[in-house]
C-alpha atoms as a PDB file:
ATOM      1  CA  UNK A   1     -90.998  59.508  19.293  1.00  0.00           C
ATOM      2  CA  UNK A   2     -88.796  60.454  16.350  1.00  0.00           C
ATOM      3  CA  UNK A   3     -89.337  64.134  17.070  1.00  0.00           C
ATOM      4  CA  UNK A   4     -88.421  63.586  20.688  1.00  0.00           C
ATOM      5  CA  UNK A   5     -85.227  61.664  19.908  1.00  0.00           C
ATOM      6  CA  UNK A   6     -84.278  64.344  17.271  1.00  0.00           C
ATOM      7  CA  UNK A   7     -84.830  67.116  19.888  1.00  0.00           C
ATOM      8  CA  UNK A   8     -82.668  65.338  22.477  1.00  0.00           C
ATOM      9  CA  UNK A   9     -79.840  64.856  19.976  1.00  0.00           C
ATOM     10  CA  UNK A  10     -79.979  68.537  19.135  1.00  0.00           C
ATOM     11  CA  UNK A  11     -79.872  69.398  22.870  1.00  0.00           C
ATOM     12  CA  UNK A  12     -76.944  67.120  23.599  1.00  0.00           C
ATOM     13  CA  UNK A  13     -75.040  68.279  20.504  1.00  0.00           C
ATOM     14  CA  UNK A  14     -75.693  71.958  21.426  1.00  0.00           C
ATOM     15  CA  UNK A  15     -74.274  71.491  25.055  1.00  0.00           C
ATOM     16  CA  UNK A  16     -71.244  69.616  23.703  1.00  0.00           C
ATOM     17  CA  UNK A  17     -70.458  72.401  21.187  1.00  0.00           C
ATOM     18  CA  UNK A  18     -70.881  75.024  23.837  1.00  0.00           C
ATOM     19  CA  UNK A  19     -68.678  73.364  26.505  1.00  0.00           C
ATOM     20  CA  UNK A  20     -65.877  75.871  25.842  1.00  0.00           C
ATOM     21  CA  UNK A  21     -68.295  78.814  26.263  1.00  0.00           C
ATOM     22  CA  UNK A  22     -70.086  77.667  29.524  1.00  0.00           C
ATOM     23  CA  UNK A  23     -68.978  74.665  31.539  1.00  0.00           C
ATOM     24  CA  UNK A  24     -72.310  73.118  32.517  1.00  0.00           C
ATOM     25  CA  UNK A  25     -72.709  71.383  35.935  1.00  0.00           C
ATOM     26  CA  UNK A  26     -76.467  70.610  35.431  1.00  0.00           C
ATOM     27  CA  UNK A  27     -79.247  70.832  32.879  1.00  0.00           C
ATOM     28  CA  UNK A  28     -82.919  71.247  33.341  1.00  0.00           C
ATOM     29  CA  UNK A  29     -85.588  71.559  30.775  1.00  0.00           C
ATOM     30  CA  UNK A  30     -89.201  72.960  30.785  1.00  0.00           C
ATOM     31  CA  UNK A  31     -91.699  73.151  27.887  1.00  0.00           C
ATOM     32  CA  UNK A  32     -89.609  74.832  25.198  1.00  0.00           C
ATOM     33  CA  UNK A  33     -87.014  76.204  27.542  1.00  0.00           C
ATOM     34  CA  UNK A  34     -83.516  74.860  28.536  1.00  0.00           C
ATOM     35  CA  UNK A  35     -81.803  75.929  31.779  1.00  0.00           C
ATOM     36  CA  UNK A  36     -78.258  75.254  32.844  1.00  0.00           C
ATOM     37  CA  UNK A  37     -76.040  76.000  35.786  1.00  0.00           C
ATOM     38  CA  UNK A  38     -72.348  76.661  34.918  1.00  0.00           C
ATOM     39  CA  UNK A  39     -69.378  75.787  37.081  1.00  0.00           C
ATOM     40  CA  UNK A  40     -69.469  79.167  38.692  1.00  0.00           C
ATOM     41  CA  UNK A  41     -73.070  78.591  39.916  1.00  0.00           C
ATOM     42  CA  UNK A  42     -74.592  81.056  37.375  1.00  0.00           C
ATOM     43  CA  UNK A  43     -77.914  80.136  35.931  1.00  0.00           C
ATOM     44  CA  UNK A  44     -78.455  80.521  32.223  1.00  0.00           C
ATOM     45  CA  UNK A  45     -81.332  79.778  29.861  1.00  0.00           C
ATOM     46  CA  UNK A  46     -82.369  79.539  26.227  1.00  0.00           C
ATOM     47  CA  UNK A  47     -85.426  78.596  24.189  1.00  0.00           C
ATOM     48  CA  UNK A  48     -88.731  80.408  23.979  1.00  0.00           C
ATOM     49  CA  UNK A  49     -89.190  83.134  26.485  1.00  0.00           C
ATOM     50  CA  UNK A  50     -92.768  82.271  27.726  1.00  0.00           C
ATOM     51  CA  UNK A  51     -94.050  84.259  30.685  1.00  0.00           C
ATOM     52  CA  UNK A  52     -90.691  85.972  31.285  1.00  0.00           C
ATOM     53  CA  UNK A  53     -88.788  82.877  32.298  1.00  0.00           C
ATOM     54  CA  UNK A  54     -85.705  84.022  30.390  1.00  0.00           C
ATOM     55  CA  UNK A  55     -85.216  87.209  32.636  1.00  0.00           C
ATOM     56  CA  UNK A  56     -84.941  90.404  30.663  1.00  0.00           C
ATOM     57  CA  UNK A  57     -85.657  88.696  27.341  1.00  0.00           C
ATOM     58  CA  UNK A  58     -88.290  89.863  24.833  1.00  0.00           C
ATOM     59  CA  UNK A  59     -91.700  88.205  25.353  1.00  0.00           C
ATOM     60  CA  UNK A  60     -92.091  85.024  23.232  1.00  0.00           C
ATOM     61  CA  UNK A  61     -88.636  85.597  21.609  1.00  0.00           C
ATOM     62  CA  UNK A  62     -86.750  82.410  20.839  1.00  0.00           C
ATOM     63  CA  UNK A  63     -83.111  82.439  21.945  1.00  0.00           C
ATOM     64  CA  UNK A  64     -80.598  80.002  20.692  1.00  0.00           C
ATOM     65  CA  UNK A  65     -77.858  78.479  22.860  1.00  0.00           C
ATOM     66  CA  UNK A  66     -75.356  81.122  21.716  1.00  0.00           C
ATOM     67  CA  UNK A  67     -77.781  83.719  22.798  1.00  0.00           C
ATOM     68  CA  UNK A  68     -78.252  82.265  26.308  1.00  0.00           C
ATOM     69  CA  UNK A  69     -79.768  84.702  28.851  1.00  0.00           C
ATOM     70  CA  UNK A  70     -78.035  85.111  32.177  1.00  0.00           C
ATOM     71  CA  UNK A  71     -80.747  84.685  34.829  1.00  0.00           C
ATOM     72  CA  UNK A  72     -79.156  84.815  38.275  1.00  0.00           C
ATOM     73  CA  UNK A  73     -75.960  83.909  40.259  1.00  0.00           C
ATOM     74  CA  UNK A  74     -75.197  81.572  43.125  1.00  0.00           C
ATOM     75  CA  UNK A  75     -77.581  78.898  42.094  1.00  0.00           C
ATOM     76  CA  UNK A  76     -77.176  75.385  43.446  1.00  0.00           C
ATOM     77  CA  UNK A  77     -80.208  73.650  41.802  1.00  0.00           C
ATOM     78  CA  UNK A  78     -83.053  74.561  39.441  1.00  0.00           C
ATOM     79  CA  UNK A  79     -86.253  72.933  38.358  1.00  0.00           C
ATOM     80  CA  UNK A  80     -88.650  73.999  35.557  1.00  0.00           C
ATOM     81  CA  UNK A  81     -92.358  73.347  35.221  1.00  0.00           C
ATOM     82  CA  UNK A  82     -94.388  74.021  32.182  1.00  0.00           C
ATOM     83  CA  UNK A  83     -94.114  77.769  32.391  1.00  0.00           C
ATOM     84  CA  UNK A  84     -92.535  78.494  35.763  1.00  0.00           C
ATOM     85  CA  UNK A  85     -89.151  77.963  37.370  1.00  0.00           C
ATOM     86  CA  UNK A  86     -87.901  77.520  40.860  1.00  0.00           C
ATOM     87  CA  UNK A  87     -84.184  77.687  42.011  1.00  0.00           C
ATOM     88  CA  UNK A  88     -82.315  77.044  45.174  1.00  0.00           C
ATOM     89  CA  UNK A  89     -79.503  79.369  45.829  1.00  0.00           C
ATOM     90  CA  UNK A  90     -76.123  78.481  47.479  1.00  0.00           C
ATOM     91  CA  UNK A  91     -77.483  80.081  50.713  1.00  0.00           C
ATOM     92  CA  UNK A  92     -80.428  77.652  50.623  1.00  0.00           C
ATOM     93  CA  UNK A  93     -83.058  80.334  49.749  1.00  0.00           C
ATOM     94  CA  UNK A  94     -85.745  79.382  47.204  1.00  0.00           C
ATOM     95  CA  UNK A  95     -86.618  81.720  44.379  1.00  0.00           C
ATOM     96  CA  UNK A  96     -89.386  81.410  41.772  1.00  0.00           C
ATOM     97  CA  UNK A  97     -90.578  83.248  38.652  1.00  0.00           C
ATOM     98  CA  UNK A  98     -92.800  82.889  35.509  1.00  0.00           C
ATOM     99  CA  UNK A  99     -96.481  82.047  35.205  1.00  0.00           C
ATOM    100  CA  UNK A 100     -98.554  82.033  38.368  1.00  0.00           C
ATOM    101  CA  UNK A 101    -102.131  81.595  37.298  1.00  0.00           C
ATOM    102  CA  UNK A 102    -102.927  78.822  39.848  1.00  0.00           C
ATOM    103  CA  UNK A 103    -100.437  79.768  42.627  1.00  0.00           C
ATOM    104  CA  UNK A 104     -97.419  77.632  41.350  1.00  0.00           C
ATOM    105  CA  UNK A 105     -95.007  80.287  42.424  1.00  0.00           C
ATOM    106  CA  UNK A 106     -96.193  80.188  46.101  1.00  0.00           C
ATOM    107  CA  UNK A 107     -96.032  83.855  46.884  1.00  0.00           C
ATOM    108  CA  UNK A 108     -99.759  84.213  47.967  1.00  0.00           C
ATOM    109  CA  UNK A 109    -100.919  85.701  44.608  1.00  0.00           C
ATOM    110  CA  UNK A 110    -101.845  84.521  41.084  1.00  0.00           C
ATOM    111  CA  UNK A 111     -99.893  87.264  39.302  1.00  0.00           C
ATOM    112  CA  UNK A 112     -97.127  86.303  36.985  1.00  0.00           C
ATOM    113  CA  UNK A 113     -93.548  87.342  38.068  1.00  0.00           C
ATOM    114  CA  UNK A 114     -90.960  88.503  35.514  1.00  0.00           C
ATOM    115  CA  UNK A 115     -88.248  88.562  38.123  1.00  0.00           C
ATOM    116  CA  UNK A 116     -87.226  85.968  40.765  1.00  0.00           C
ATOM    117  CA  UNK A 117     -88.983  86.403  44.027  1.00  0.00           C
ATOM    118  CA  UNK A 118     -87.915  84.720  47.266  1.00  0.00           C
ATOM    119  CA  UNK A 119     -90.342  82.193  48.773  1.00  0.00           C
ATOM    120  CA  UNK A 120     -88.473  80.274  51.543  1.00  0.00           C
ATOM    121  CA  UNK A 121     -85.314  79.832  53.547  1.00  0.00           C
ATOM    122  CA  UNK A 122     -83.431  76.657  54.483  1.00  0.00           C
ATOM    123  CA  UNK A 123     -84.349  74.850  51.241  1.00  0.00           C
ATOM    124  CA  UNK A 124     -82.346  71.715  50.271  1.00  0.00           C
ATOM    125  CA  UNK A 125     -84.074  70.677  47.049  1.00  0.00           C
ATOM    126  CA  UNK A 126     -86.946  71.750  44.788  1.00  0.00           C
ATOM    127  CA  UNK A 127     -88.972  69.818  42.223  1.00  0.00           C
ATOM    128  CA  UNK A 128     -91.730  71.143  39.829  1.00  0.00           C
ATOM    129  CA  UNK A 129     -94.555  69.423  38.104  1.00  0.00           C
ATOM    130  CA  UNK A 130     -96.604  70.955  35.294  1.00  0.00           C
ATOM    131  CA  UNK A 131     -97.934  73.706  37.546  1.00  0.00           C
ATOM    132  CA  UNK A 132     -97.047  72.572  41.126  1.00  0.00           C
ATOM    133  CA  UNK A 133     -93.977  72.965  43.180  1.00  0.00           C
ATOM    134  CA  UNK A 134     -92.448  71.018  46.118  1.00  0.00           C
ATOM    135  CA  UNK A 135     -89.567  72.157  48.304  1.00  0.00           C
ATOM    136  CA  UNK A 136     -87.619  69.866  50.641  1.00  0.00           C
ATOM    137  CA  UNK A 137     -86.251  71.837  53.540  1.00  0.00           C
ATOM    138  CA  UNK A 138     -82.916  71.104  55.275  1.00  0.00           C
ATOM    139  CA  UNK A 139     -84.840  69.843  58.300  1.00  0.00           C
ATOM    140  CA  UNK A 140     -86.459  67.110  56.210  1.00  0.00           C
ATOM    141  CA  UNK A 141     -89.930  68.733  55.991  1.00  0.00           C
ATOM    142  CA  UNK A 142     -91.625  68.638  52.610  1.00  0.00           C
ATOM    143  CA  UNK A 143     -93.790  71.643  51.426  1.00  0.00           C
ATOM    144  CA  UNK A 144     -96.061  71.951  48.384  1.00  0.00           C
ATOM    145  CA  UNK A 145     -98.156  74.577  46.497  1.00  0.00           C
ATOM    146  CA  UNK A 146     -99.792  75.359  43.183  1.00  0.00           C
ATOM    147  CA  UNK A 147    -102.065  73.174  41.107  1.00  0.00           C
ATOM    148  CA  UNK A 148    -103.799  70.366  42.960  1.00  0.00           C
ATOM    149  CA  UNK A 149    -106.533  68.900  40.631  1.00  0.00           C
ATOM    150  CA  UNK A 150    -105.404  65.400  41.196  1.00  0.00           C
ATOM    151  CA  UNK A 151    -104.136  65.654  44.845  1.00  0.00           C
ATOM    152  CA  UNK A 152    -100.589  66.096  43.561  1.00  0.00           C
ATOM    153  CA  UNK A 153     -99.688  68.420  46.541  1.00  0.00           C
ATOM    154  CA  UNK A 154    -100.498  65.730  49.042  1.00  0.00           C
ATOM    155  CA  UNK A 155    -102.297  67.780  51.533  1.00  0.00           C
ATOM    156  CA  UNK A 156    -105.476  65.640  51.452  1.00  0.00           C
ATOM    157  CA  UNK A 157    -107.496  67.934  49.187  1.00  0.00           C
ATOM    158  CA  UNK A 158    -107.794  68.861  45.538  1.00  0.00           C
ATOM    159  CA  UNK A 159    -107.726  72.602  46.284  1.00  0.00           C
ATOM    160  CA  UNK A 160    -104.987  74.735  44.688  1.00  0.00           C
ATOM    161  CA  UNK A 161    -102.702  76.471  47.073  1.00  0.00           C
ATOM    162  CA  UNK A 162    -100.909  79.756  46.501  1.00  0.00           C
ATOM    163  CA  UNK A 163     -98.635  79.471  49.546  1.00  0.00           C
ATOM    164  CA  UNK A 164     -96.438  76.576  50.766  1.00  0.00           C
ATOM    165  CA  UNK A 165     -98.320  73.907  52.750  1.00  0.00           C
ATOM    166  CA  UNK A 166     -96.495  71.326  54.905  1.00  0.00           C
ATOM    167  CA  UNK A 167     -96.961  67.830  53.704  1.00  0.00           C
ATOM    168  CA  UNK A 168     -94.703  65.486  55.711  1.00  0.00           C
ATOM    169  CA  UNK A 169     -91.504  65.150  57.657  1.00  0.00           C
ATOM    170  CA  UNK A 170     -88.340  63.013  57.446  1.00  0.00           C
ATOM    171  CA  UNK A 171     -87.956  63.258  53.608  1.00  0.00           C
ATOM    172  CA  UNK A 172     -84.652  62.525  51.993  1.00  0.00           C
ATOM    173  CA  UNK A 173     -85.394  62.988  48.259  1.00  0.00           C
ATOM    174  CA  UNK A 174     -88.284  63.874  45.934  1.00  0.00           C
ATOM    175  CA  UNK A 175     -89.269  63.998  42.298  1.00  0.00           C
ATOM    176  CA  UNK A 176     -92.377  65.521  40.745  1.00  0.00           C
ATOM    177  CA  UNK A 177     -93.634  65.599  37.166  1.00  0.00           C
ATOM    178  CA  UNK A 178     -96.778  66.520  35.343  1.00  0.00           C
ATOM    179  CA  UNK A 179     -99.407  65.698  38.046  1.00  0.00           C
ATOM    180  CA  UNK A 180     -97.920  63.203  40.454  1.00  0.00           C
ATOM    181  CA  UNK A 181     -95.269  63.316  43.168  1.00  0.00           C
ATOM    182  CA  UNK A 182     -92.822  60.827  44.692  1.00  0.00           C
ATOM    183  CA  UNK A 183     -90.760  61.033  47.847  1.00  0.00           C
ATOM    184  CA  UNK A 184     -88.216  58.974  49.658  1.00  0.00           C
ATOM    185  CA  UNK A 185     -88.118  59.122  53.420  1.00  0.00           C
ATOM    186  CA  UNK A 186     -85.026  58.706  55.678  1.00  0.00           C
ATOM    187  CA  UNK A 187     -85.884  55.106  56.287  1.00  0.00           C
ATOM    188  CA  UNK A 188     -85.711  54.289  52.543  1.00  0.00           C
ATOM    189  CA  UNK A 189     -89.495  53.908  51.955  1.00  0.00           C
ATOM    190  CA  UNK A 190     -90.912  55.428  48.813  1.00  0.00           C
ATOM    191  CA  UNK A 191     -94.300  57.238  48.886  1.00  0.00           C
ATOM    192  CA  UNK A 192     -96.414  58.622  46.012  1.00  0.00           C
ATOM    193  CA  UNK A 193     -99.474  60.761  45.474  1.00  0.00           C
ATOM    194  CA  UNK A 194    -101.369  62.592  42.872  1.00  0.00           C
ATOM    195  CA  UNK A 195    -102.600  61.376  39.431  1.00  0.00           C
ATOM    196  CA  UNK A 196    -102.655  57.704  38.979  1.00  0.00           C
ATOM    197  CA  UNK A 197    -104.553  57.129  35.678  1.00  0.00           C
ATOM    198  CA  UNK A 198    -101.763  55.229  34.171  1.00  0.00           C
ATOM    199  CA  UNK A 199    -100.642  53.476  37.362  1.00  0.00           C
ATOM    200  CA  UNK A 200     -97.762  55.944  37.854  1.00  0.00           C
ATOM    201  CA  UNK A 201     -97.966  55.789  41.584  1.00  0.00           C
ATOM    202  CA  UNK A 202     -97.358  52.045  41.665  1.00  0.00           C
ATOM    203  CA  UNK A 203     -99.943  51.158  44.358  1.00  0.00           C
ATOM    204  CA  UNK A 204    -101.704  48.509  42.206  1.00  0.00           C
ATOM    205  CA  UNK A 205    -104.605  50.825  41.504  1.00  0.00           C
ATOM    206  CA  UNK A 206    -105.620  53.507  38.971  1.00  0.00           C
ATOM    207  CA  UNK A 207    -106.966  55.693  41.819  1.00  0.00           C
ATOM    208  CA  UNK A 208    -105.780  59.255  42.349  1.00  0.00           C
ATOM    209  CA  UNK A 209    -104.281  59.721  45.796  1.00  0.00           C
ATOM    210  CA  UNK A 210    -104.647  62.904  47.655  1.00  0.00           C
ATOM    211  CA  UNK A 211    -102.306  61.913  50.510  1.00  0.00           C
ATOM    212  CA  UNK A 212     -98.987  60.043  50.373  1.00  0.00           C
ATOM    213  CA  UNK A 213     -99.251  56.220  50.085  1.00  0.00           C
ATOM    214  CA  UNK A 214     -96.381  53.925  50.626  1.00  0.00           C
ATOM    215  CA  UNK A 215     -95.133  52.176  47.506  1.00  0.00           C
ATOM    216  CA  UNK A 216     -91.910  50.099  48.359  1.00  0.00           C
ATOM    217  CA  UNK A 217     -88.934  49.860  50.702  1.00  0.00           C
ATOM    218  CA  UNK A 218     -85.129  50.078  50.360  1.00  0.00           C
ATOM    219  CA  UNK A 219     -85.205  52.903  47.834  1.00  0.00           C
ATOM    220  CA  UNK A 220     -82.061  54.930  46.967  1.00  0.00           C
ATOM    221  CA  UNK A 221     -83.369  57.201  44.143  1.00  0.00           C
ATOM    222  CA  UNK A 222     -86.521  58.081  42.302  1.00  0.00           C
ATOM    223  CA  UNK A 223     -87.479  59.834  39.075  1.00  0.00           C
ATOM    224  CA  UNK A 224     -91.048  60.741  38.155  1.00  0.00           C
ATOM    225  CA  UNK A 225     -91.957  60.851  34.366  1.00  0.00           C
ATOM    226  CA  UNK A 226     -95.035  62.300  32.911  1.00  0.00           C
ATOM    227  CA  UNK A 227     -97.096  59.120  33.413  1.00  0.00           C
ATOM    228  CA  UNK A 228     -94.498  56.629  34.728  1.00  0.00           C
ATOM    229  CA  UNK A 229     -92.024  56.350  37.482  1.00  0.00           C
ATOM    230  CA  UNK A 230     -88.631  54.757  37.962  1.00  0.00           C
ATOM    231  CA  UNK A 231     -86.774  53.899  41.257  1.00  0.00           C
ATOM    232  CA  UNK A 232     -83.327  52.592  42.039  1.00  0.00           C
ATOM    233  CA  UNK A 233     -83.089  50.280  45.047  1.00  0.00           C
ATOM    234  CA  UNK A 234     -80.166  49.995  47.541  1.00  0.00           C
ATOM    235  CA  UNK A 235     -78.985  46.976  45.611  1.00  0.00           C
ATOM    236  CA  UNK A 236     -78.789  49.147  42.500  1.00  0.00           C
ATOM    237  CA  UNK A 237     -81.643  47.364  40.708  1.00  0.00           C
ATOM    238  CA  UNK A 238     -83.901  49.610  38.585  1.00  0.00           C
ATOM    239  CA  UNK A 239     -87.682  49.294  38.889  1.00  0.00           C
ATOM    240  CA  UNK A 240     -90.383  50.967  36.769  1.00  0.00           C
ATOM    241  CA  UNK A 241     -94.141  51.278  36.672  1.00  0.00           C
ATOM    242  CA  UNK A 242     -97.050  53.325  35.032  1.00  0.00           C
ATOM    243  CA  UNK A 243     -97.699  54.164  31.447  1.00  0.00           C
ATOM    244  CA  UNK A 244     -95.712  51.992  28.847  1.00  0.00           C
ATOM    245  CA  UNK A 245     -97.360  52.769  25.462  1.00  0.00           C
ATOM    246  CA  UNK A 246     -93.890  53.485  23.985  1.00  0.00           C
ATOM    247  CA  UNK A 247     -91.958  50.943  25.951  1.00  0.00           C
ATOM    248  CA  UNK A 248     -90.734  53.660  28.396  1.00  0.00           C
ATOM    249  CA  UNK A 249     -90.635  51.195  31.276  1.00  0.00           C
ATOM    250  CA  UNK A 250     -88.089  49.049  29.496  1.00  0.00           C
ATOM    251  CA  UNK A 251     -89.585  45.705  30.462  1.00  0.00           C
ATOM    252  CA  UNK A 252     -89.841  44.471  26.953  1.00  0.00           C
ATOM    253  CA  UNK A 253     -93.534  45.239  26.666  1.00  0.00           C
ATOM    254  CA  UNK A 254     -95.974  48.090  25.951  1.00  0.00           C
ATOM    255  CA  UNK A 255     -98.230  47.128  28.792  1.00  0.00           C
ATOM    256  CA  UNK A 256     -98.829  49.570  31.587  1.00  0.00           C
ATOM    257  CA  UNK A 257     -97.780  48.369  35.053  1.00  0.00           C
ATOM    258  CA  UNK A 258     -99.706  49.152  38.267  1.00  0.00           C
ATOM    259  CA  UNK A 259     -96.993  47.929  40.485  1.00  0.00           C
ATOM    260  CA  UNK A 260     -93.098  48.168  40.187  1.00  0.00           C
ATOM    261  CA  UNK A 261     -91.339  45.644  37.820  1.00  0.00           C
ATOM    262  CA  UNK A 262     -87.607  44.922  37.855  1.00  0.00           C
ATOM    263  CA  UNK A 263     -85.947  46.271  34.728  1.00  0.00           C
ATOM    264  CA  UNK A 264     -82.175  45.861  35.061  1.00  0.00           C
ATOM    265  CA  UNK A 265     -79.202  45.569  37.584  1.00  0.00           C
ATOM    266  CA  UNK A 266     -76.163  47.704  38.405  1.00  0.00           C
ATOM    267  CA  UNK A 267     -77.851  51.159  37.889  1.00  0.00           C
ATOM    268  CA  UNK A 268     -76.373  54.115  39.608  1.00  0.00           C
ATOM    269  CA  UNK A 269     -78.746  56.903  38.299  1.00  0.00           C
ATOM    270  CA  UNK A 270     -82.031  57.376  36.406  1.00  0.00           C
ATOM    271  CA  UNK A 271     -83.415  60.629  35.003  1.00  0.00           C
ATOM    272  CA  UNK A 272     -86.250  61.481  32.612  1.00  0.00           C
ATOM    273  CA  UNK A 273     -87.110  65.095  33.070  1.00  0.00           C
ATOM    274  CA  UNK A 274     -85.705  65.952  29.675  1.00  0.00           C
ATOM    275  CA  UNK A 275     -87.835  63.387  27.900  1.00  0.00           C
ATOM    276  CA  UNK A 276     -90.996  64.912  29.502  1.00  0.00           C
END
């Protein structure tokens, strides 16, 4: 925990000190890499260059913030998995690169890509887990591919997929992390699937789910952690469930929760990707 807090402080301080160099609109972290989009929609990255994530950099070379690598332009949103990256461009095309040993790039192969490759059009949002990827299209359809050991793709199987597979329609928002996935539908219902060993799905069990299961209603936003999940409801209350060994749920205990518990009021936004 001390190491995590120290790392976060370094990251925050680094971005503050670099504000004059690159104005950051958003920040995303993977395992040992840090990605940010500047106010001109250019994507930059620093950290350890595993599997060619920092485009054009030397393999396994560690780059500091001041040595940030320019990756690509016209990027609207980015999400980093353990060793792969997915980015949505301003024209709604989805591009991926990095490690691809279990199809997490979705290009029909298991070969690593050292340059961004286009996967889909008309993409609104992307979210990556440890080695799986989900794309929310502009028509509300949700697509998934990559690692599927715990059913985190939501296609009813535990088979890895190296191309996008359609999961469901009418999706408004999503969040994926290590090996589980959460999605909010247009009607405000929250659904979850994948690994559930710590109760991170919130369905009152520890059973992995290979298809989406409904968790709760009236959900405004959701954020999936490694082994826990948080959701903000329409009344701006914050709810949490799943693993709680370090008090990450914020309910005053270290007891894991299999169903959502209310944590606080008047919350506008929750995020936990950096901490995972």
